[in-house]
Amino acid sequence: MAGSGLVRGGGHRGGAGDGRDLLRHVGAGPVAGGTGPARPSPARSVSVPALMADPPPDQIRKLRHDLSNPLAAILAETQLLLLGQDKYDGETVAGLKQIEALSRKMRGILEALDR
């Protein structure tokens, strides 16, 4: 999905790619001297795994929205195909049923993000 990076500031979208955008996101300032890459202050040091373990609520909402829309389309199209399953061989029907089951499971996971 072009243009839908989770970290605002360009990290996913052609930014420097060296972590400065992520560090800016967690509130870090530039290194003393002002020309080097941003580094977290000791009191605000946040590792990437820690940020991913407890992402800000607005990022969770955006992620849920960005995944829910195409997932709904996948589920709807799969169910439409299954309405005419007598037109398909057994392997195709089994594959469609697996897509439907996994789509429902993923929808449940996304709904759980709101709880």
C-alpha atoms as a PDB file:
ATOM      1  CA  MET A   1       0.000   0.000   0.000  1.00  0.00           C
ATOM      2  CA  ALA A   2       1.859   2.978  -1.209  1.00  0.00           C
ATOM      3  CA  GLY A   3       1.607   6.012   0.992  1.00  0.00           C
ATOM      4  CA  SER A   4       0.213   4.298   4.055  1.00  0.00           C
ATOM      5  CA  GLY A   5       3.319   4.079   6.235  1.00  0.00           C
ATOM      6  CA  LEU A   6       2.640   3.631   9.912  1.00  0.00           C
ATOM      7  CA  VAL A   7       5.278   6.093  11.073  1.00  0.00           C
ATOM      8  CA  ARG A   8       4.481   9.592   9.887  1.00  0.00           C
ATOM      9  CA  GLY A   9       7.343  11.681   8.621  1.00  0.00           C
ATOM     10  CA  GLY A  10       8.476   9.642   5.649  1.00  0.00           C
ATOM     11  CA  GLY A  11      10.210   6.585   7.117  1.00  0.00           C
ATOM     12  CA  HIS A  12       8.171   4.226   4.928  1.00  0.00           C
ATOM     13  CA  ARG A  13       7.782   6.635   2.040  1.00  0.00           C
ATOM     14  CA  GLY A  14      11.271   7.387   0.856  1.00  0.00           C
ATOM     15  CA  GLY A  15      12.616   9.018   4.019  1.00  0.00           C
ATOM     16  CA  ALA A  16      16.182   8.671   5.158  1.00  0.00           C
ATOM     17  CA  GLY A  17      15.498   5.138   6.365  1.00  0.00           C
ATOM     18  CA  ASP A  18      18.036   5.516   9.155  1.00  0.00           C
ATOM     19  CA  GLY A  19      15.580   5.669  12.048  1.00  0.00           C
ATOM     20  CA  ARG A  20      15.361   9.459  12.340  1.00  0.00           C
ATOM     21  CA  ASP A  21      11.640   9.434  11.522  1.00  0.00           C
ATOM     22  CA  LEU A  22      10.920   6.831  14.195  1.00  0.00           C
ATOM     23  CA  LEU A  23      13.004   8.729  16.724  1.00  0.00           C
ATOM     24  CA  ARG A  24      11.201  11.960  15.861  1.00  0.00           C
ATOM     25  CA  HIS A  25       7.938  10.058  16.383  1.00  0.00           C
ATOM     26  CA  VAL A  26       8.866   9.152  19.963  1.00  0.00           C
ATOM     27  CA  GLY A  27       9.906  12.714  20.756  1.00  0.00           C
ATOM     28  CA  ALA A  28      13.675  12.626  20.385  1.00  0.00           C
ATOM     29  CA  GLY A  29      15.609  15.698  19.417  1.00  0.00           C
ATOM     30  CA  PRO A  30      18.798  16.171  17.419  1.00  0.00           C
ATOM     31  CA  VAL A  31      22.214  15.385  18.824  1.00  0.00           C
ATOM     32  CA  ALA A  32      24.031  18.263  20.527  1.00  0.00           C
ATOM     33  CA  GLY A  33      25.499  20.286  17.683  1.00  0.00           C
ATOM     34  CA  GLY A  34      22.319  19.923  15.669  1.00  0.00           C
ATOM     35  CA  THR A  35      23.690  18.347  12.494  1.00  0.00           C
ATOM     36  CA  GLY A  36      23.727  14.639  13.284  1.00  0.00           C
ATOM     37  CA  PRO A  37      20.832  12.206  13.269  1.00  0.00           C
ATOM     38  CA  ALA A  38      18.234  12.443  16.009  1.00  0.00           C
ATOM     39  CA  ARG A  39      18.885  10.292  19.063  1.00  0.00           C
ATOM     40  CA  PRO A  40      16.547   9.596  21.951  1.00  0.00           C
ATOM     41  CA  SER A  41      17.290  11.267  25.242  1.00  0.00           C
ATOM     42  CA  PRO A  42      18.006   8.756  28.018  1.00  0.00           C
ATOM     43  CA  ALA A  43      14.672   9.487  29.703  1.00  0.00           C
ATOM     44  CA  ARG A  44      12.726   8.985  26.430  1.00  0.00           C
ATOM     45  CA  SER A  45      14.660   6.063  24.976  1.00  0.00           C
ATOM     46  CA  VAL A  46      12.188   3.719  23.309  1.00  0.00           C
ATOM     47  CA  SER A  47      13.196   0.627  21.387  1.00  0.00           C
ATOM     48  CA  VAL A  48      11.433  -0.353  18.179  1.00  0.00           C
ATOM     49  CA  PRO A  49      10.120  -3.617  19.726  1.00  0.00           C
ATOM     50  CA  ALA A  50       8.699  -1.645  22.673  1.00  0.00           C
ATOM     51  CA  LEU A  51       6.952   0.780  20.321  1.00  0.00           C
ATOM     52  CA  MET A  52       5.546  -2.108  18.292  1.00  0.00           C
ATOM     53  CA  ALA A  53       4.383  -3.883  21.464  1.00  0.00           C
ATOM     54  CA  ASP A  54       2.374  -0.846  22.566  1.00  0.00           C
ATOM     55  CA  PRO A  55       1.642   1.317  19.495  1.00  0.00           C
ATOM     56  CA  PRO A  56      -0.251   4.585  19.899  1.00  0.00           C
ATOM     57  CA  PRO A  57      -4.067   4.207  19.587  1.00  0.00           C
ATOM     58  CA  ASP A  58      -4.285   6.326  16.420  1.00  0.00           C
ATOM     59  CA  GLN A  59      -1.889   3.969  14.635  1.00  0.00           C
ATOM     60  CA  ILE A  60      -3.976   0.974  15.689  1.00  0.00           C
ATOM     61  CA  ARG A  61      -7.137   2.630  14.322  1.00  0.00           C
ATOM     62  CA  LYS A  62      -5.392   3.443  11.036  1.00  0.00           C
ATOM     63  CA  LEU A  63      -3.992  -0.073  10.718  1.00  0.00           C
ATOM     64  CA  ARG A  64      -7.398  -1.603  11.437  1.00  0.00           C
ATOM     65  CA  HIS A  65      -9.062   0.651   8.867  1.00  0.00           C
ATOM     66  CA  ASP A  66      -6.414   0.004   6.201  1.00  0.00           C
ATOM     67  CA  LEU A  67      -6.730  -3.762   6.637  1.00  0.00           C
ATOM     68  CA  SER A  68     -10.503  -3.992   7.145  1.00  0.00           C
ATOM     69  CA  ASN A  69     -11.543  -2.521   3.806  1.00  0.00           C
ATOM     70  CA  PRO A  70      -9.651  -4.905   1.498  1.00  0.00           C
ATOM     71  CA  LEU A  71     -10.424  -7.788   3.842  1.00  0.00           C
ATOM     72  CA  ALA A  72     -14.163  -7.095   3.535  1.00  0.00           C
ATOM     73  CA  ALA A  73     -13.828  -7.173  -0.256  1.00  0.00           C
ATOM     74  CA  ILE A  74     -11.913 -10.472  -0.156  1.00  0.00           C
ATOM     75  CA  LEU A  75     -14.521 -12.038   2.108  1.00  0.00           C
ATOM     76  CA  ALA A  76     -17.458 -10.761   0.020  1.00  0.00           C
ATOM     77  CA  GLU A  77     -15.978 -11.956  -3.282  1.00  0.00           C
ATOM     78  CA  THR A  78     -15.149 -15.350  -1.797  1.00  0.00           C
ATOM     79  CA  GLN A  79     -18.680 -15.762  -0.471  1.00  0.00           C
ATOM     80  CA  LEU A  80     -20.124 -14.789  -3.866  1.00  0.00           C
ATOM     81  CA  LEU A  81     -17.987 -17.439  -5.549  1.00  0.00           C
ATOM     82  CA  LEU A  82     -19.102 -20.012  -2.984  1.00  0.00           C
ATOM     83  CA  LEU A  83     -22.755 -19.317  -3.829  1.00  0.00           C
ATOM     84  CA  GLY A  84     -22.078 -21.019  -7.158  1.00  0.00           C
ATOM     85  CA  GLN A  85     -19.727 -23.679  -5.846  1.00  0.00           C
ATOM     86  CA  ASP A  86     -21.363 -26.354  -8.018  1.00  0.00           C
ATOM     87  CA  LYS A  87     -19.548 -24.713 -10.975  1.00  0.00           C
ATOM     88  CA  TYR A  88     -16.093 -25.463  -9.504  1.00  0.00           C
ATOM     89  CA  ASP A  89     -14.062 -28.587  -8.837  1.00  0.00           C
ATOM     90  CA  GLY A  90     -13.526 -29.807  -5.273  1.00  0.00           C
ATOM     91  CA  GLU A  91     -10.023 -28.384  -4.956  1.00  0.00           C
ATOM     92  CA  THR A  92     -11.213 -24.895  -5.924  1.00  0.00           C
ATOM     93  CA  VAL A  93     -14.148 -25.053  -3.501  1.00  0.00           C
ATOM     94  CA  ALA A  94     -11.836 -26.223  -0.707  1.00  0.00           C
ATOM     95  CA  GLY A  95      -9.500 -23.311  -1.449  1.00  0.00           C
ATOM     96  CA  LEU A  96     -12.371 -20.816  -1.417  1.00  0.00           C
ATOM     97  CA  LYS A  97     -13.621 -22.199   1.900  1.00  0.00           C
ATOM     98  CA  GLN A  98     -10.129 -21.845   3.352  1.00  0.00           C
ATOM     99  CA  ILE A  99      -9.938 -18.225   2.147  1.00  0.00           C
ATOM    100  CA  GLU A 100     -13.335 -17.567   3.735  1.00  0.00           C
ATOM    101  CA  ALA A 101     -12.329 -19.155   7.057  1.00  0.00           C
ATOM    102  CA  LEU A 102      -9.021 -17.290   7.226  1.00  0.00           C
ATOM    103  CA  SER A 103     -10.712 -14.009   6.271  1.00  0.00           C
ATOM    104  CA  ARG A 104     -13.220 -14.458   9.095  1.00  0.00           C
ATOM    105  CA  LYS A 105     -10.375 -15.225  11.504  1.00  0.00           C
ATOM    106  CA  MET A 106      -8.491 -12.094  10.435  1.00  0.00           C
ATOM    107  CA  ARG A 107     -11.665 -10.019  10.776  1.00  0.00           C
ATOM    108  CA  GLY A 108     -11.995 -11.283  14.353  1.00  0.00           C
ATOM    109  CA  ILE A 109      -8.410 -10.301  15.098  1.00  0.00           C
ATOM    110  CA  LEU A 110      -9.007  -6.799  13.718  1.00  0.00           C
ATOM    111  CA  GLU A 111     -12.219  -6.436  15.723  1.00  0.00           C
ATOM    112  CA  ALA A 112     -10.313  -7.454  18.869  1.00  0.00           C
ATOM    113  CA  LEU A 113      -8.008  -4.451  18.357  1.00  0.00           C
ATOM    114  CA  ASP A 114     -10.912  -2.195  19.369  1.00  0.00           C
ATOM    115  CA  ARG A 115     -11.412  -3.953  22.697  1.00  0.00           C
END
